[in-house]
Each structure stands twice: as C-alpha cells, then as structure tokens.
C-alpha cells in the first residue's frame, strides 16, 4: 500500500487525543445550539451533565472560543467601564442639596407597562423642584436610545442652564458611553444613585406609581395603541396641567412653575433634599 511500517504502529499523541476529544465536544455543543442557541458555557455544562457527560467548565469555554460557538444573545449597547477611557459611574450629588428654582435638578428613570401580549417601556424625566415631567419617550425595547430621545426632547424644550444636575440610577441605559457623552456635551452635572437604592430616586418613582394607578390600571391598557393614544395626554394635559400636588400646596406643576418664576430668587420656596429623599 506504500505505507511506512511505522504508520501501522503509530499511537496518537496526547495532543492528537485532545484534538479528537475537542471535536467530539464541539459536535455536542453545536447540537445543543441547534435547539437552544441562547445557551452559554454554564448552561451547556449543566445540559451535558444531565446527559451523563462530565466536562470541565474551562474546557467548554476553550472549545467554544476556539470554534466561535457563541450564544446568539448580543449586548444591546457598547460595553461599560474604563475600556474607552470614559468615566461612567458617578457620586450621588443630591444628598443635602437645596434647590430654589426649576431646571436645577432633573431626575430620570424607566418603568414597564404590561399589555396583553407584550411589554412596553416608558422613560421619563422629572424636574424635582416643580414635579413637572419635562421629557419622556416610549419604546418596545430597553435600548439607551429612547432614554436619549427623552433627554434630548427635554433639553431642546427647556434649555437648562449649565451645571444643572441630572440624577439617575446606574442602569446600563444611563451608564453607557453615548448617554454620558451627551450629558457632558450639554454641561450637566452627573449624579447617580448607589446600586439597589430605589429610594434615592423617589420623585420619579412616585410619578410612575401615580401614572399606573390613575391612568394605566384605571383605563386597563391592553395594546400599544392604548399607550400611544392615552399616555401622552395624561402626562402633558393631566399630570402637568390639571393634577393638584399636595407637596406643591395643591397646585399643578405648571401653576407652581409659573408662580415661582415670578418671585425673586430670595423669596422662592426652598426644597432641601435630606437623607433618602431623592
């Protein structure tokens, strides 16, 4: 057959055995991904254990990396962190802060609205001094883009002065490169709550509670059309213009804003944020 005698006696080396074993594992991973494309290495290992196949986690990661067997789930946004040399996490600037006028402190957050067949998301920005919603946007996904849309709307409409504080939690929507760069470009002071402290953003949370109880649940939103046809009217025409706030002396946010702007700065009410108020 034209083969050397040594070929007949050849014994696979450790490397060759490892490569052969890796090919078997690769095939197993590919079979799992055909049915469950969202599985990462941890779930793949658990899946193999259920089949009676014990495989080291590091080996699964190595084989997946070698043959590009990645989960189909992709990150929605650019990575956070120091990779780009941009600071993305900031201190809470609201503790003990005294505000005496509109456009000194804006707070923002997002919430979900459960419909019959889907979830939609609302991002809103509130002027803490007047309790007025100055910007908002609706989206079917949690991309940072609709949060930027709400912020851009508020900036163009109210033209806040340099040094206004923008307060949010540390969600990926607000701690991503695009959002932070927009804030810096428009001369905001950036303030963020600590992780797992929703009380640090109580004013916007209070608005969401009011909105859901008095509008979404009351009118029993079922479809995206219900959201589009009713929510803008509630925010702009009811909440900002007609709903009385006990914290504003039973005035609407629009009325309170107009009244304080007529007063001299020294005579305006002072709102001091202490403890966990914001």
C-alpha atoms as a PDB file:
ATOM      1  CA  UNK A   1       0.000   0.000   0.000  1.00  0.00           C
ATOM      2  CA  UNK A   2       3.048   2.255   0.010  1.00  0.00           C
ATOM      3  CA  UNK A   3       2.822   2.978   3.761  1.00  0.00           C
ATOM      4  CA  UNK A   4       5.768   3.028   6.122  1.00  0.00           C
ATOM      5  CA  UNK A   5       5.945   0.261   8.720  1.00  0.00           C
ATOM      6  CA  UNK A   6       5.901   2.931  11.486  1.00  0.00           C
ATOM      7  CA  UNK A   7       2.467   4.069  10.333  1.00  0.00           C
ATOM      8  CA  UNK A   8       0.925   0.766  11.364  1.00  0.00           C
ATOM      9  CA  UNK A   9       2.379   1.062  14.844  1.00  0.00           C
ATOM     10  CA  UNK A  10       1.582   4.786  15.252  1.00  0.00           C
ATOM     11  CA  UNK A  11      -0.009   5.706  18.572  1.00  0.00           C
ATOM     12  CA  UNK A  12      -1.862   9.021  18.855  1.00  0.00           C
ATOM     13  CA  UNK A  13      -0.065  11.623  20.933  1.00  0.00           C
ATOM     14  CA  UNK A  14      -1.709  13.392  23.877  1.00  0.00           C
ATOM     15  CA  UNK A  15      -2.285  16.444  21.674  1.00  0.00           C
ATOM     16  CA  UNK A  16      -3.939  14.384  18.958  1.00  0.00           C
ATOM     17  CA  UNK A  17      -6.196  12.716  21.520  1.00  0.00           C
ATOM     18  CA  UNK A  18      -7.124  16.124  22.910  1.00  0.00           C
ATOM     19  CA  UNK A  19      -7.926  17.477  19.440  1.00  0.00           C
ATOM     20  CA  UNK A  20     -10.080  14.441  18.688  1.00  0.00           C
ATOM     21  CA  UNK A  21     -11.854  14.841  22.027  1.00  0.00           C
ATOM     22  CA  UNK A  22     -12.391  18.570  21.340  1.00  0.00           C
ATOM     23  CA  UNK A  23     -14.034  17.749  18.010  1.00  0.00           C
ATOM     24  CA  UNK A  24     -16.479  15.452  19.792  1.00  0.00           C
ATOM     25  CA  UNK A  25     -17.268  18.175  22.330  1.00  0.00           C
ATOM     26  CA  UNK A  26     -17.646  20.721  19.546  1.00  0.00           C
ATOM     27  CA  UNK A  27     -20.226  18.496  17.873  1.00  0.00           C
ATOM     28  CA  UNK A  28     -22.142  18.125  21.138  1.00  0.00           C
ATOM     29  CA  UNK A  29     -22.181  21.905  21.665  1.00  0.00           C
ATOM     30  CA  UNK A  30     -23.347  22.512  18.098  1.00  0.00           C
ATOM     31  CA  UNK A  31     -26.202  20.028  18.583  1.00  0.00           C
ATOM     32  CA  UNK A  32     -27.272  21.852  21.742  1.00  0.00           C
ATOM     33  CA  UNK A  33     -27.093  25.224  19.980  1.00  0.00           C
ATOM     34  CA  UNK A  34     -29.326  23.999  17.161  1.00  0.00           C
ATOM     35  CA  UNK A  35     -32.183  23.741  19.650  1.00  0.00           C
ATOM     36  CA  UNK A  36     -31.044  26.201  22.327  1.00  0.00           C
ATOM     37  CA  UNK A  37     -28.981  28.928  20.623  1.00  0.00           C
ATOM     38  CA  UNK A  38     -29.058  31.204  23.675  1.00  0.00           C
ATOM     39  CA  UNK A  39     -27.026  28.835  25.861  1.00  0.00           C
ATOM     40  CA  UNK A  40     -23.672  29.990  27.185  1.00  0.00           C
ATOM     41  CA  UNK A  41     -20.973  27.752  28.615  1.00  0.00           C
ATOM     42  CA  UNK A  42     -22.610  27.417  32.052  1.00  0.00           C
ATOM     43  CA  UNK A  43     -25.934  26.129  30.723  1.00  0.00           C
ATOM     44  CA  UNK A  44     -24.164  23.913  28.203  1.00  0.00           C
ATOM     45  CA  UNK A  45     -22.235  22.257  31.042  1.00  0.00           C
ATOM     46  CA  UNK A  46     -25.442  21.662  33.009  1.00  0.00           C
ATOM     47  CA  UNK A  47     -27.086  20.295  29.856  1.00  0.00           C
ATOM     48  CA  UNK A  48     -24.211  17.854  29.328  1.00  0.00           C
ATOM     49  CA  UNK A  49     -24.323  16.780  32.987  1.00  0.00           C
ATOM     50  CA  UNK A  50     -27.966  15.837  32.543  1.00  0.00           C
ATOM     51  CA  UNK A  51     -26.853  13.599  29.672  1.00  0.00           C
ATOM     52  CA  UNK A  52     -24.271  11.979  31.914  1.00  0.00           C
ATOM     53  CA  UNK A  53     -21.301  13.716  30.294  1.00  0.00           C
ATOM     54  CA  UNK A  54     -18.901  15.321  32.780  1.00  0.00           C
ATOM     55  CA  UNK A  55     -16.907  18.114  31.131  1.00  0.00           C
ATOM     56  CA  UNK A  56     -14.754  20.758  32.771  1.00  0.00           C
ATOM     57  CA  UNK A  57     -16.149  24.294  32.511  1.00  0.00           C
ATOM     58  CA  UNK A  58     -12.820  25.737  31.370  1.00  0.00           C
ATOM     59  CA  UNK A  59     -12.633  23.196  28.567  1.00  0.00           C
ATOM     60  CA  UNK A  60     -16.122  24.082  27.353  1.00  0.00           C
ATOM     61  CA  UNK A  61     -15.162  27.777  27.319  1.00  0.00           C
ATOM     62  CA  UNK A  62     -11.944  26.997  25.417  1.00  0.00           C
ATOM     63  CA  UNK A  63     -13.705  24.899  22.765  1.00  0.00           C
ATOM     64  CA  UNK A  64     -16.466  27.479  22.323  1.00  0.00           C
ATOM     65  CA  UNK A  65     -13.903  30.255  21.959  1.00  0.00           C
ATOM     66  CA  UNK A  66     -11.718  28.220  19.556  1.00  0.00           C
ATOM     67  CA  UNK A  67     -14.596  27.367  17.225  1.00  0.00           C
ATOM     68  CA  UNK A  68     -16.619  30.594  17.755  1.00  0.00           C
ATOM     69  CA  UNK A  69     -19.577  28.756  19.271  1.00  0.00           C
ATOM     70  CA  UNK A  70     -21.096  31.815  20.928  1.00  0.00           C
ATOM     71  CA  UNK A  71     -24.550  32.363  22.343  1.00  0.00           C
ATOM     72  CA  UNK A  72     -26.928  34.147  19.970  1.00  0.00           C
ATOM     73  CA  UNK A  73     -27.681  36.761  22.658  1.00  0.00           C
ATOM     74  CA  UNK A  74     -25.868  40.001  21.960  1.00  0.00           C
ATOM     75  CA  UNK A  75     -25.326  43.004  24.191  1.00  0.00           C
ATOM     76  CA  UNK A  76     -27.669  45.884  23.461  1.00  0.00           C
ATOM     77  CA  UNK A  77     -25.105  48.614  23.935  1.00  0.00           C
ATOM     78  CA  UNK A  78     -21.460  49.437  23.970  1.00  0.00           C
ATOM     79  CA  UNK A  79     -19.547  47.996  26.934  1.00  0.00           C
ATOM     80  CA  UNK A  80     -19.466  49.994  30.135  1.00  0.00           C
ATOM     81  CA  UNK A  81     -16.254  50.566  32.004  1.00  0.00           C
ATOM     82  CA  UNK A  82     -12.836  52.042  31.531  1.00  0.00           C
ATOM     83  CA  UNK A  83     -12.078  50.390  28.174  1.00  0.00           C
ATOM     84  CA  UNK A  84     -12.831  53.617  26.324  1.00  0.00           C
ATOM     85  CA  UNK A  85     -11.198  55.803  28.975  1.00  0.00           C
ATOM     86  CA  UNK A  86     -14.528  57.410  29.950  1.00  0.00           C
ATOM     87  CA  UNK A  87     -15.895  57.606  33.492  1.00  0.00           C
ATOM     88  CA  UNK A  88     -19.368  56.074  33.551  1.00  0.00           C
ATOM     89  CA  UNK A  89     -20.212  55.915  37.278  1.00  0.00           C
ATOM     90  CA  UNK A  90     -20.684  58.989  39.476  1.00  0.00           C
ATOM     91  CA  UNK A  91     -21.425  60.032  43.046  1.00  0.00           C
ATOM     92  CA  UNK A  92     -24.876  60.975  44.318  1.00  0.00           C
ATOM     93  CA  UNK A  93     -24.937  64.802  44.282  1.00  0.00           C
ATOM     94  CA  UNK A  94     -28.481  65.163  45.613  1.00  0.00           C
ATOM     95  CA  UNK A  95     -27.970  64.366  49.319  1.00  0.00           C
ATOM     96  CA  UNK A  96     -28.437  67.561  51.331  1.00  0.00           C
ATOM     97  CA  UNK A  97     -28.913  69.613  48.157  1.00  0.00           C
ATOM     98  CA  UNK A  98     -31.030  72.778  48.335  1.00  0.00           C
ATOM     99  CA  UNK A  99     -32.911  73.774  45.191  1.00  0.00           C
ATOM    100  CA  UNK A 100     -34.791  77.021  44.739  1.00  0.00           C
ATOM    101  CA  UNK A 101     -35.924  77.056  41.105  1.00  0.00           C
ATOM    102  CA  UNK A 102     -36.863  74.910  38.129  1.00  0.00           C
ATOM    103  CA  UNK A 103     -34.084  73.388  35.991  1.00  0.00           C
ATOM    104  CA  UNK A 104     -31.663  72.893  38.858  1.00  0.00           C
ATOM    105  CA  UNK A 105     -32.217  69.139  39.313  1.00  0.00           C
ATOM    106  CA  UNK A 106     -33.723  66.647  36.880  1.00  0.00           C
ATOM    107  CA  UNK A 107     -34.258  63.003  37.846  1.00  0.00           C
ATOM    108  CA  UNK A 108     -34.936  60.178  35.413  1.00  0.00           C
ATOM    109  CA  UNK A 109     -35.804  56.503  35.373  1.00  0.00           C
ATOM    110  CA  UNK A 110     -37.734  53.995  33.286  1.00  0.00           C
ATOM    111  CA  UNK A 111     -40.618  51.646  34.011  1.00  0.00           C
ATOM    112  CA  UNK A 112     -42.528  48.949  32.169  1.00  0.00           C
ATOM    113  CA  UNK A 113     -46.183  48.835  31.167  1.00  0.00           C
ATOM    114  CA  UNK A 114     -47.627  45.324  30.893  1.00  0.00           C
ATOM    115  CA  UNK A 115     -50.021  44.844  27.991  1.00  0.00           C
ATOM    116  CA  UNK A 116     -51.915  41.750  26.854  1.00  0.00           C
ATOM    117  CA  UNK A 117     -49.242  40.421  24.504  1.00  0.00           C
ATOM    118  CA  UNK A 118     -46.145  42.485  25.226  1.00  0.00           C
ATOM    119  CA  UNK A 119     -44.334  44.897  27.499  1.00  0.00           C
ATOM    120  CA  UNK A 120     -43.570  48.482  26.574  1.00  0.00           C
ATOM    121  CA  UNK A 121     -41.241  50.826  28.413  1.00  0.00           C
ATOM    122  CA  UNK A 122     -41.545  54.461  29.438  1.00  0.00           C
ATOM    123  CA  UNK A 123     -38.585  56.679  30.239  1.00  0.00           C
ATOM    124  CA  UNK A 124     -39.477  59.938  31.976  1.00  0.00           C
ATOM    125  CA  UNK A 125     -37.555  62.938  33.285  1.00  0.00           C
ATOM    126  CA  UNK A 126     -38.953  64.972  36.172  1.00  0.00           C
ATOM    127  CA  UNK A 127     -37.987  68.443  37.374  1.00  0.00           C
ATOM    128  CA  UNK A 128     -37.667  67.711  41.097  1.00  0.00           C
ATOM    129  CA  UNK A 129     -38.478  71.282  42.152  1.00  0.00           C
ATOM    130  CA  UNK A 130     -41.747  71.611  40.211  1.00  0.00           C
ATOM    131  CA  UNK A 131     -42.605  67.867  39.911  1.00  0.00           C
ATOM    132  CA  UNK A 132     -43.150  68.515  36.206  1.00  0.00           C
ATOM    133  CA  UNK A 133     -42.402  65.845  33.609  1.00  0.00           C
ATOM    134  CA  UNK A 134     -40.084  67.666  31.218  1.00  0.00           C
ATOM    135  CA  UNK A 135     -39.293  64.804  28.856  1.00  0.00           C
ATOM    136  CA  UNK A 136     -40.487  61.292  28.102  1.00  0.00           C
ATOM    137  CA  UNK A 137     -40.283  58.557  25.466  1.00  0.00           C
ATOM    138  CA  UNK A 138     -41.879  55.148  24.814  1.00  0.00           C
ATOM    139  CA  UNK A 139     -40.145  52.062  23.438  1.00  0.00           C
ATOM    140  CA  UNK A 140     -40.659  48.348  22.879  1.00  0.00           C
ATOM    141  CA  UNK A 141     -37.086  47.579  23.935  1.00  0.00           C
ATOM    142  CA  UNK A 142     -34.669  48.706  26.635  1.00  0.00           C
ATOM    143  CA  UNK A 143     -32.071  50.309  24.409  1.00  0.00           C
ATOM    144  CA  UNK A 144     -30.470  53.502  25.690  1.00  0.00           C
ATOM    145  CA  UNK A 145     -31.653  55.270  22.532  1.00  0.00           C
ATOM    146  CA  UNK A 146     -35.173  56.005  23.769  1.00  0.00           C
ATOM    147  CA  UNK A 147     -33.748  57.366  27.034  1.00  0.00           C
ATOM    148  CA  UNK A 148     -31.584  59.720  24.982  1.00  0.00           C
ATOM    149  CA  UNK A 149     -34.669  60.678  22.977  1.00  0.00           C
ATOM    150  CA  UNK A 150     -36.491  61.740  26.169  1.00  0.00           C
ATOM    151  CA  UNK A 151     -33.464  63.703  27.379  1.00  0.00           C
ATOM    152  CA  UNK A 152     -32.955  65.416  24.042  1.00  0.00           C
ATOM    153  CA  UNK A 153     -36.627  66.420  23.985  1.00  0.00           C
ATOM    154  CA  UNK A 154     -36.314  67.970  27.460  1.00  0.00           C
ATOM    155  CA  UNK A 155     -33.083  69.823  26.602  1.00  0.00           C
ATOM    156  CA  UNK A 156     -34.491  71.331  23.407  1.00  0.00           C
ATOM    157  CA  UNK A 157     -37.749  72.368  25.069  1.00  0.00           C
ATOM    158  CA  UNK A 158     -36.454  73.797  28.363  1.00  0.00           C
ATOM    159  CA  UNK A 159     -32.838  74.742  27.501  1.00  0.00           C
ATOM    160  CA  UNK A 160     -31.489  74.056  31.021  1.00  0.00           C
ATOM    161  CA  UNK A 161     -28.561  76.165  32.279  1.00  0.00           C
ATOM    162  CA  UNK A 162     -25.027  74.871  32.598  1.00  0.00           C
ATOM    163  CA  UNK A 163     -24.475  72.978  35.826  1.00  0.00           C
ATOM    164  CA  UNK A 164     -27.965  71.508  36.154  1.00  0.00           C
ATOM    165  CA  UNK A 165     -27.838  68.136  37.950  1.00  0.00           C
ATOM    166  CA  UNK A 166     -29.001  65.047  36.074  1.00  0.00           C
ATOM    167  CA  UNK A 167     -29.787  62.247  38.547  1.00  0.00           C
ATOM    168  CA  UNK A 168     -30.420  58.605  37.662  1.00  0.00           C
ATOM    169  CA  UNK A 169     -29.700  55.091  38.846  1.00  0.00           C
ATOM    170  CA  UNK A 170     -26.750  53.107  37.495  1.00  0.00           C
ATOM    171  CA  UNK A 171     -28.722  51.244  34.853  1.00  0.00           C
ATOM    172  CA  UNK A 172     -26.949  50.468  31.586  1.00  0.00           C
ATOM    173  CA  UNK A 173     -29.138  52.998  29.775  1.00  0.00           C
ATOM    174  CA  UNK A 174     -27.695  55.879  31.832  1.00  0.00           C
ATOM    175  CA  UNK A 175     -24.188  54.496  32.360  1.00  0.00           C
ATOM    176  CA  UNK A 176     -23.289  53.919  28.729  1.00  0.00           C
ATOM    177  CA  UNK A 177     -20.862  55.939  26.636  1.00  0.00           C
ATOM    178  CA  UNK A 178     -23.447  57.641  24.402  1.00  0.00           C
ATOM    179  CA  UNK A 179     -25.597  58.846  27.312  1.00  0.00           C
ATOM    180  CA  UNK A 180     -22.725  60.100  29.451  1.00  0.00           C
ATOM    181  CA  UNK A 181     -21.148  61.915  26.498  1.00  0.00           C
ATOM    182  CA  UNK A 182     -24.479  63.644  25.762  1.00  0.00           C
ATOM    183  CA  UNK A 183     -24.716  64.831  29.382  1.00  0.00           C
ATOM    184  CA  UNK A 184     -21.165  66.177  29.337  1.00  0.00           C
ATOM    185  CA  UNK A 185     -21.683  67.874  25.979  1.00  0.00           C
ATOM    186  CA  UNK A 186     -24.714  69.709  27.392  1.00  0.00           C
ATOM    187  CA  UNK A 187     -22.916  70.702  30.617  1.00  0.00           C
ATOM    188  CA  UNK A 188     -24.883  68.574  33.089  1.00  0.00           C
ATOM    189  CA  UNK A 189     -23.521  67.619  36.482  1.00  0.00           C
ATOM    190  CA  UNK A 190     -23.956  63.846  36.560  1.00  0.00           C
ATOM    191  CA  UNK A 191     -25.386  62.242  39.699  1.00  0.00           C
ATOM    192  CA  UNK A 192     -26.201  58.567  40.230  1.00  0.00           C
ATOM    193  CA  UNK A 193     -27.783  56.508  42.994  1.00  0.00           C
ATOM    194  CA  UNK A 194     -25.915  53.658  44.563  1.00  0.00           C
ATOM    195  CA  UNK A 195     -26.799  50.142  43.437  1.00  0.00           C
ATOM    196  CA  UNK A 196     -30.082  48.756  44.847  1.00  0.00           C
ATOM    197  CA  UNK A 197     -31.263  52.047  46.374  1.00  0.00           C
ATOM    198  CA  UNK A 198     -34.541  52.942  44.602  1.00  0.00           C
ATOM    199  CA  UNK A 199     -35.382  55.416  47.378  1.00  0.00           C
ATOM    200  CA  UNK A 200     -32.566  57.613  46.041  1.00  0.00           C
ATOM    201  CA  UNK A 201     -34.823  58.392  43.086  1.00  0.00           C
ATOM    202  CA  UNK A 202     -38.111  58.715  44.938  1.00  0.00           C
ATOM    203  CA  UNK A 203     -39.663  61.603  42.980  1.00  0.00           C
ATOM    204  CA  UNK A 204     -39.699  59.847  39.614  1.00  0.00           C
ATOM    205  CA  UNK A 205     -40.785  56.591  41.287  1.00  0.00           C
ATOM    206  CA  UNK A 206     -43.703  58.480  42.805  1.00  0.00           C
ATOM    207  CA  UNK A 207     -44.726  59.708  39.361  1.00  0.00           C
ATOM    208  CA  UNK A 208     -44.663  56.153  37.962  1.00  0.00           C
ATOM    209  CA  UNK A 209     -46.866  54.972  40.831  1.00  0.00           C
ATOM    210  CA  UNK A 210     -49.377  57.759  40.168  1.00  0.00           C
ATOM    211  CA  UNK A 211     -49.336  57.153  36.413  1.00  0.00           C
ATOM    212  CA  UNK A 212     -50.024  53.428  36.729  1.00  0.00           C
ATOM    213  CA  UNK A 213     -52.756  53.742  39.362  1.00  0.00           C
ATOM    214  CA  UNK A 214     -54.606  56.715  37.900  1.00  0.00           C
ATOM    215  CA  UNK A 215     -54.116  56.006  34.196  1.00  0.00           C
ATOM    216  CA  UNK A 216     -52.704  52.644  33.064  1.00  0.00           C
ATOM    217  CA  UNK A 217     -54.542  50.368  35.509  1.00  0.00           C
ATOM    218  CA  UNK A 218     -57.635  52.559  35.687  1.00  0.00           C
ATOM    219  CA  UNK A 219     -58.097  52.507  31.890  1.00  0.00           C
ATOM    220  CA  UNK A 220     -56.853  48.925  31.612  1.00  0.00           C
ATOM    221  CA  UNK A 221     -54.274  49.393  28.865  1.00  0.00           C
ATOM    222  CA  UNK A 222     -54.193  46.336  26.610  1.00  0.00           C
ATOM    223  CA  UNK A 223     -52.414  47.311  23.382  1.00  0.00           C
ATOM    224  CA  UNK A 224     -49.703  49.620  22.112  1.00  0.00           C
ATOM    225  CA  UNK A 225     -52.460  51.780  20.636  1.00  0.00           C
ATOM    226  CA  UNK A 226     -53.832  52.348  24.146  1.00  0.00           C
ATOM    227  CA  UNK A 227     -50.397  53.577  25.232  1.00  0.00           C
ATOM    228  CA  UNK A 228     -49.872  55.880  22.248  1.00  0.00           C
ATOM    229  CA  UNK A 229     -53.398  57.330  22.319  1.00  0.00           C
ATOM    230  CA  UNK A 230     -53.690  57.907  26.079  1.00  0.00           C
ATOM    231  CA  UNK A 231     -50.337  58.209  27.843  1.00  0.00           C
ATOM    232  CA  UNK A 232     -49.124  61.440  26.163  1.00  0.00           C
ATOM    233  CA  UNK A 233     -52.405  63.142  27.050  1.00  0.00           C
ATOM    234  CA  UNK A 234     -52.153  62.003  30.686  1.00  0.00           C
ATOM    235  CA  UNK A 235     -48.577  63.279  31.074  1.00  0.00           C
ATOM    236  CA  UNK A 236     -48.916  66.624  29.300  1.00  0.00           C
ATOM    237  CA  UNK A 237     -52.571  67.549  29.800  1.00  0.00           C
ATOM    238  CA  UNK A 238     -53.476  65.881  33.097  1.00  0.00           C
ATOM    239  CA  UNK A 239     -50.397  65.310  35.271  1.00  0.00           C
ATOM    240  CA  UNK A 240     -48.522  68.501  34.348  1.00  0.00           C
ATOM    241  CA  UNK A 241     -51.516  70.789  33.831  1.00  0.00           C
ATOM    242  CA  UNK A 242     -54.509  69.606  35.896  1.00  0.00           C
ATOM    243  CA  UNK A 243     -53.488  67.244  38.701  1.00  0.00           C
ATOM    244  CA  UNK A 244     -53.054  69.006  42.061  1.00  0.00           C
ATOM    245  CA  UNK A 245     -49.980  68.094  44.140  1.00  0.00           C
ATOM    246  CA  UNK A 246     -50.155  68.336  47.918  1.00  0.00           C
ATOM    247  CA  UNK A 247     -46.371  68.898  48.061  1.00  0.00           C
ATOM    248  CA  UNK A 248     -46.845  71.984  45.843  1.00  0.00           C
ATOM    249  CA  UNK A 249     -49.550  73.493  48.031  1.00  0.00           C
ATOM    250  CA  UNK A 250     -52.270  71.834  45.948  1.00  0.00           C
ATOM    251  CA  UNK A 251     -51.148  73.440  42.718  1.00  0.00           C
ATOM    252  CA  UNK A 252     -50.387  71.795  39.415  1.00  0.00           C
ATOM    253  CA  UNK A 253     -46.743  71.605  38.279  1.00  0.00           C
ATOM    254  CA  UNK A 254     -47.463  74.159  35.537  1.00  0.00           C
ATOM    255  CA  UNK A 255     -49.085  76.580  38.010  1.00  0.00           C
ATOM    256  CA  UNK A 256     -46.305  76.179  40.567  1.00  0.00           C
ATOM    257  CA  UNK A 257     -43.642  76.749  37.925  1.00  0.00           C
ATOM    258  CA  UNK A 258     -45.258  79.961  36.686  1.00  0.00           C
ATOM    259  CA  UNK A 259     -45.726  81.307  40.216  1.00  0.00           C
ATOM    260  CA  UNK A 260     -42.156  80.710  41.429  1.00  0.00           C
ATOM    261  CA  UNK A 261     -40.660  82.203  38.282  1.00  0.00           C
ATOM    262  CA  UNK A 262     -42.490  85.448  39.073  1.00  0.00           C
ATOM    263  CA  UNK A 263     -40.884  85.621  42.506  1.00  0.00           C
ATOM    264  CA  UNK A 264     -37.455  86.987  43.276  1.00  0.00           C
ATOM    265  CA  UNK A 265     -34.945  84.192  43.976  1.00  0.00           C
ATOM    266  CA  UNK A 266     -34.722  85.121  47.678  1.00  0.00           C
ATOM    267  CA  UNK A 267     -38.488  84.683  48.128  1.00  0.00           C
ATOM    268  CA  UNK A 268     -38.860  81.335  46.382  1.00  0.00           C
ATOM    269  CA  UNK A 269     -39.619  78.192  48.430  1.00  0.00           C
ATOM    270  CA  UNK A 270     -36.535  76.115  49.238  1.00  0.00           C
ATOM    271  CA  UNK A 271     -36.600  72.368  48.738  1.00  0.00           C
ATOM    272  CA  UNK A 272     -33.918  70.631  50.771  1.00  0.00           C
ATOM    273  CA  UNK A 273     -33.156  67.050  49.897  1.00  0.00           C
ATOM    274  CA  UNK A 274     -32.069  65.202  53.007  1.00  0.00           C
ATOM    275  CA  UNK A 275     -31.448  61.570  53.894  1.00  0.00           C
ATOM    276  CA  UNK A 276     -33.035  59.319  51.306  1.00  0.00           C
ATOM    277  CA  UNK A 277     -35.400  61.903  49.808  1.00  0.00           C
ATOM    278  CA  UNK A 278     -34.007  61.575  46.312  1.00  0.00           C
END
